[in-house]
Structure formats: structure tokens, C-alpha cells
Amino acid sequence: MFKKILVPVDLSDPEHYTDAIETAASFARQFGSTVRLVTVLPVLPSVVADYIPMDTQNKMLDEASAKVKVLVDKLSLGEGSGEVAVREGAVYHEVLEEAEVCKADLIVMGSHRPAMATYLLGSNAARIVRHAPCSVMVLRGED
């Protein structure tokens, strides 16, 4: 049913991705799927980026990749059933792009109760649901 399951992960907020990862792993075991965890780092404003050496920026990407790899390894899905992706940019845009690139059949993501500003502007989860090339499961966290 699901061959590739994409799970967006905000490394700064574990409580919003833990259920999503566990749900994706459960589906993967049931359907023999591959789980791909993706984290998106913000693009540094050019004013700031000019003062941060490129090797420091690369180190940030490597550290994020290593943290996501640890999460994949904890899933214990077997060889080749867990993948890692690290992207830079706007969260919703990069998650949608990653879903296209990896040909995801399902996106499983956590969300939280939106604040008033989110109702007016739209959340990442809402944008992903509206524009995803595949099915999306949003797991509401406790707030």
C-alpha cells in the first residue's frame, strides 16, 4: 500500500515528531515500506550568512544529518528501510519538494493546536496537506 513514507522532523521539537515517527514505523513494518525522515534547516539571511564561514554552515548540515540518522537507526526497520534527508529553505516548500523527489506515497507528520496567527496565515501542516502530491496523515499533539 505505502512504499515510501516521508516524515518531516523538527529537531528542536521532539514532542511533535515522536508519534509521527512511531506511526510511520508501524506502517513500514506492516506494509514493508521505507521510511524517510526529512529535516529542514532555515536558510540564513544573506546578511548573516556572509559572516558565517561555509565550513560552519556545512557542519550545521552534517550535525542535523547525524541527528536524523540516530532517529532512523532507533526505528530498527532493517537495512535500507530507513533514509535521511536534510534540506534548507521554507519548511512546507522543502517537505513538498522532498515528497516529489523521493516519490512518497504518504507523509506522516505531527502538528499542534494552532495559534491565532496560524489561523490567519496558515501552518506548515496545512500548506503541506493542501499541496502534497500524496496522502498526508497529520497527528495532533497534546497542547
C-alpha atoms as a PDB file:
ATOM      1  CA  MET A   1       0.000   0.000   0.000  1.00  0.00           C
ATOM      2  CA  PHE A   2       2.659   2.531   1.043  1.00  0.00           C
ATOM      3  CA  LYS A   3       6.125   2.014  -0.407  1.00  0.00           C
ATOM      4  CA  LYS A   4       7.718   5.270   0.753  1.00  0.00           C
ATOM      5  CA  ILE A   5       6.645   7.159   3.873  1.00  0.00           C
ATOM      6  CA  LEU A   6       8.028  10.647   4.435  1.00  0.00           C
ATOM      7  CA  VAL A   7       8.178  12.045   7.968  1.00  0.00           C
ATOM      8  CA  PRO A   8       9.132  15.716   8.462  1.00  0.00           C
ATOM      9  CA  VAL A   9      11.144  16.165  11.669  1.00  0.00           C
ATOM     10  CA  ASP A  10      11.743  19.433  13.535  1.00  0.00           C
ATOM     11  CA  LEU A  11      14.830  18.574  15.562  1.00  0.00           C
ATOM     12  CA  SER A  12      14.101  21.386  18.022  1.00  0.00           C
ATOM     13  CA  ASP A  13      10.671  19.967  18.930  1.00  0.00           C
ATOM     14  CA  PRO A  14      10.755  16.194  19.626  1.00  0.00           C
ATOM     15  CA  GLU A  15       7.283  16.031  21.154  1.00  0.00           C
ATOM     16  CA  HIS A  16       5.725  16.905  17.785  1.00  0.00           C
ATOM     17  CA  TYR A  17       7.505  14.262  15.737  1.00  0.00           C
ATOM     18  CA  THR A  18       7.747  11.268  18.080  1.00  0.00           C
ATOM     19  CA  ASP A  19       4.221   9.987  17.366  1.00  0.00           C
ATOM     20  CA  ALA A  20       4.681  10.569  13.633  1.00  0.00           C
ATOM     21  CA  ILE A  21       7.887   8.536  13.568  1.00  0.00           C
ATOM     22  CA  GLU A  22       6.311   5.706  15.574  1.00  0.00           C
ATOM     23  CA  THR A  23       3.239   5.676  13.316  1.00  0.00           C
ATOM     24  CA  ALA A  24       5.374   5.635  10.172  1.00  0.00           C
ATOM     25  CA  ALA A  25       7.496   2.800  11.576  1.00  0.00           C
ATOM     26  CA  SER A  26       4.351   0.812  12.356  1.00  0.00           C
ATOM     27  CA  PHE A  27       3.110   1.261   8.778  1.00  0.00           C
ATOM     28  CA  ALA A  28       6.563   0.341   7.466  1.00  0.00           C
ATOM     29  CA  ARG A  29       6.553  -2.927   9.382  1.00  0.00           C
ATOM     30  CA  GLN A  30       3.008  -3.690   8.241  1.00  0.00           C
ATOM     31  CA  PHE A  31       3.480  -2.829   4.548  1.00  0.00           C
ATOM     32  CA  GLY A  32       7.229  -3.360   4.076  1.00  0.00           C
ATOM     33  CA  SER A  33       7.678   0.361   3.438  1.00  0.00           C
ATOM     34  CA  THR A  34      10.730   2.580   3.518  1.00  0.00           C
ATOM     35  CA  VAL A  35      10.609   5.478   5.998  1.00  0.00           C
ATOM     36  CA  ARG A  36      12.404   8.669   5.014  1.00  0.00           C
ATOM     37  CA  LEU A  37      12.906  11.283   7.723  1.00  0.00           C
ATOM     38  CA  VAL A  38      13.473  14.819   6.486  1.00  0.00           C
ATOM     39  CA  THR A  39      14.503  17.851   8.484  1.00  0.00           C
ATOM     40  CA  VAL A  40      14.533  21.355   7.080  1.00  0.00           C
ATOM     41  CA  LEU A  41      17.010  23.958   8.222  1.00  0.00           C
ATOM     42  CA  PRO A  42      16.196  27.618   7.673  1.00  0.00           C
ATOM     43  CA  VAL A  43      18.220  29.483   5.091  1.00  0.00           C
ATOM     44  CA  LEU A  44      20.384  32.025   6.846  1.00  0.00           C
ATOM     45  CA  PRO A  45      19.685  35.597   5.769  1.00  0.00           C
ATOM     46  CA  SER A  46      22.424  36.797   3.426  1.00  0.00           C
ATOM     47  CA  VAL A  47      23.445  39.474   5.927  1.00  0.00           C
ATOM     48  CA  VAL A  48      24.159  36.743   8.487  1.00  0.00           C
ATOM     49  CA  ALA A  49      25.429  34.088   6.070  1.00  0.00           C
ATOM     50  CA  ASP A  50      28.201  36.405   4.865  1.00  0.00           C
ATOM     51  CA  TYR A  51      29.709  36.327   8.360  1.00  0.00           C
ATOM     52  CA  ILE A  52      29.445  32.591   8.961  1.00  0.00           C
ATOM     53  CA  PRO A  53      32.182  30.544   7.309  1.00  0.00           C
ATOM     54  CA  MET A  54      30.987  27.985   4.783  1.00  0.00           C
ATOM     55  CA  ASP A  55      32.578  25.145   6.752  1.00  0.00           C
ATOM     56  CA  THR A  56      30.464  26.159   9.772  1.00  0.00           C
ATOM     57  CA  GLN A  57      27.328  26.076   7.632  1.00  0.00           C
ATOM     58  CA  ASN A  58      28.334  22.655   6.293  1.00  0.00           C
ATOM     59  CA  LYS A  59      28.959  21.480   9.854  1.00  0.00           C
ATOM     60  CA  MET A  60      25.391  22.505  10.779  1.00  0.00           C
ATOM     61  CA  LEU A  61      24.066  20.379   7.902  1.00  0.00           C
ATOM     62  CA  ASP A  62      26.251  17.434   8.925  1.00  0.00           C
ATOM     63  CA  GLU A  63      25.106  17.682  12.556  1.00  0.00           C
ATOM     64  CA  ALA A  64      21.451  17.771  11.524  1.00  0.00           C
ATOM     65  CA  SER A  65      22.004  14.761   9.283  1.00  0.00           C
ATOM     66  CA  ALA A  66      23.684  12.842  12.118  1.00  0.00           C
ATOM     67  CA  LYS A  67      20.788  13.603  14.500  1.00  0.00           C
ATOM     68  CA  VAL A  68      18.220  12.404  11.978  1.00  0.00           C
ATOM     69  CA  LYS A  69      20.306   9.283  11.293  1.00  0.00           C
ATOM     70  CA  VAL A  70      20.137   8.447  15.020  1.00  0.00           C
ATOM     71  CA  LEU A  71      16.336   8.670  14.817  1.00  0.00           C
ATOM     72  CA  VAL A  72      16.290   6.383  11.776  1.00  0.00           C
ATOM     73  CA  ASP A  73      18.551   3.859  13.490  1.00  0.00           C
ATOM     74  CA  LYS A  74      16.217   3.761  16.521  1.00  0.00           C
ATOM     75  CA  LEU A  75      13.382   2.601  14.263  1.00  0.00           C
ATOM     76  CA  SER A  76      15.101  -0.778  13.766  1.00  0.00           C
ATOM     77  CA  LEU A  77      13.436  -1.276  10.396  1.00  0.00           C
ATOM     78  CA  GLY A  78      16.236  -3.251   8.832  1.00  0.00           C
ATOM     79  CA  GLU A  79      18.838  -2.487   6.206  1.00  0.00           C
ATOM     80  CA  GLY A  80      17.706   0.027   3.584  1.00  0.00           C
ATOM     81  CA  SER A  81      14.298   0.651   5.163  1.00  0.00           C
ATOM     82  CA  GLY A  82      15.242   3.966   6.757  1.00  0.00           C
ATOM     83  CA  GLU A  83      16.510   7.041   4.925  1.00  0.00           C
ATOM     84  CA  VAL A  84      17.664  10.527   5.876  1.00  0.00           C
ATOM     85  CA  ALA A  85      17.231  13.846   4.082  1.00  0.00           C
ATOM     86  CA  VAL A  86      18.347  17.317   5.175  1.00  0.00           C
ATOM     87  CA  ARG A  87      17.156  20.344   3.232  1.00  0.00           C
ATOM     88  CA  GLU A  88      17.411  24.104   3.564  1.00  0.00           C
ATOM     89  CA  GLY A  89      14.579  26.538   2.974  1.00  0.00           C
ATOM     90  CA  ALA A  90      10.941  27.100   3.903  1.00  0.00           C
ATOM     91  CA  VAL A  91       9.600  24.048   5.731  1.00  0.00           C
ATOM     92  CA  TYR A  92       6.430  23.441   3.745  1.00  0.00           C
ATOM     93  CA  HIS A  93       8.125  24.040   0.378  1.00  0.00           C
ATOM     94  CA  GLU A  94      11.042  21.730   1.126  1.00  0.00           C
ATOM     95  CA  VAL A  95       8.816  18.962   2.520  1.00  0.00           C
ATOM     96  CA  LEU A  96       6.653  19.116  -0.617  1.00  0.00           C
ATOM     97  CA  GLU A  97       9.765  19.082  -2.809  1.00  0.00           C
ATOM     98  CA  GLU A  98      11.189  16.107  -0.899  1.00  0.00           C
ATOM     99  CA  ALA A  99       7.879  14.246  -1.294  1.00  0.00           C
ATOM    100  CA  GLU A 100       8.145  14.733  -5.063  1.00  0.00           C
ATOM    101  CA  VAL A 101      11.826  13.785  -5.256  1.00  0.00           C
ATOM    102  CA  CYS A 102      11.531  10.602  -3.180  1.00  0.00           C
ATOM    103  CA  LYS A 103       8.139   9.691  -4.670  1.00  0.00           C
ATOM    104  CA  ALA A 104       6.453   9.449  -1.275  1.00  0.00           C
ATOM    105  CA  ASP A 105       3.135   7.600  -1.071  1.00  0.00           C
ATOM    106  CA  LEU A 106       2.358   9.037   2.354  1.00  0.00           C
ATOM    107  CA  ILE A 107       3.502  11.921   4.530  1.00  0.00           C
ATOM    108  CA  VAL A 108       3.063  11.379   8.275  1.00  0.00           C
ATOM    109  CA  MET A 109       3.580  14.481  10.358  1.00  0.00           C
ATOM    110  CA  GLY A 110       2.885  15.912  13.756  1.00  0.00           C
ATOM    111  CA  SER A 111       1.092  19.157  14.390  1.00  0.00           C
ATOM    112  CA  HIS A 112      -0.010  21.230  17.324  1.00  0.00           C
ATOM    113  CA  ARG A 113      -3.008  23.341  18.156  1.00  0.00           C
ATOM    114  CA  PRO A 114      -2.624  26.435  16.010  1.00  0.00           C
ATOM    115  CA  ALA A 115      -2.333  29.907  17.463  1.00  0.00           C
ATOM    116  CA  MET A 116      -4.492  32.754  16.162  1.00  0.00           C
ATOM    117  CA  ALA A 117      -1.720  33.904  13.806  1.00  0.00           C
ATOM    118  CA  THR A 118      -1.638  30.435  12.286  1.00  0.00           C
ATOM    119  CA  TYR A 119      -5.376  30.563  11.608  1.00  0.00           C
ATOM    120  CA  LEU A 120      -4.837  33.729   9.615  1.00  0.00           C
ATOM    121  CA  LEU A 121      -1.586  32.830   7.846  1.00  0.00           C
ATOM    122  CA  GLY A 122      -1.716  29.042   7.613  1.00  0.00           C
ATOM    123  CA  SER A 123       0.581  26.497   9.194  1.00  0.00           C
ATOM    124  CA  ASN A 124       3.205  24.315   7.556  1.00  0.00           C
ATOM    125  CA  ALA A 125       0.976  21.289   8.127  1.00  0.00           C
ATOM    126  CA  ALA A 126      -1.996  22.986   6.456  1.00  0.00           C
ATOM    127  CA  ARG A 127       0.075  24.009   3.436  1.00  0.00           C
ATOM    128  CA  ILE A 128       1.519  20.520   3.101  1.00  0.00           C
ATOM    129  CA  VAL A 129      -1.955  18.954   3.304  1.00  0.00           C
ATOM    130  CA  ARG A 130      -3.283  21.320   0.623  1.00  0.00           C
ATOM    131  CA  HIS A 131      -0.429  20.878  -1.845  1.00  0.00           C
ATOM    132  CA  ALA A 132       1.045  17.410  -1.236  1.00  0.00           C
ATOM    133  CA  PRO A 133       1.407  15.040  -4.186  1.00  0.00           C
ATOM    134  CA  CYS A 134       0.333  12.135  -1.945  1.00  0.00           C
ATOM    135  CA  SER A 135      -1.818  11.317   1.069  1.00  0.00           C
ATOM    136  CA  VAL A 136      -0.993  13.126   4.309  1.00  0.00           C
ATOM    137  CA  MET A 137      -1.661  11.960   7.857  1.00  0.00           C
ATOM    138  CA  VAL A 138      -1.473  14.719  10.463  1.00  0.00           C
ATOM    139  CA  LEU A 139      -1.202  13.615  14.083  1.00  0.00           C
ATOM    140  CA  ARG A 140      -2.367  16.255  16.517  1.00  0.00           C
ATOM    141  CA  GLY A 141      -0.163  16.563  19.597  1.00  0.00           C
ATOM    142  CA  GLU A 142      -1.415  17.388  23.044  1.00  0.00           C
ATOM    143  CA  ASP A 143      -1.205  21.091  23.855  1.00  0.00           C
END
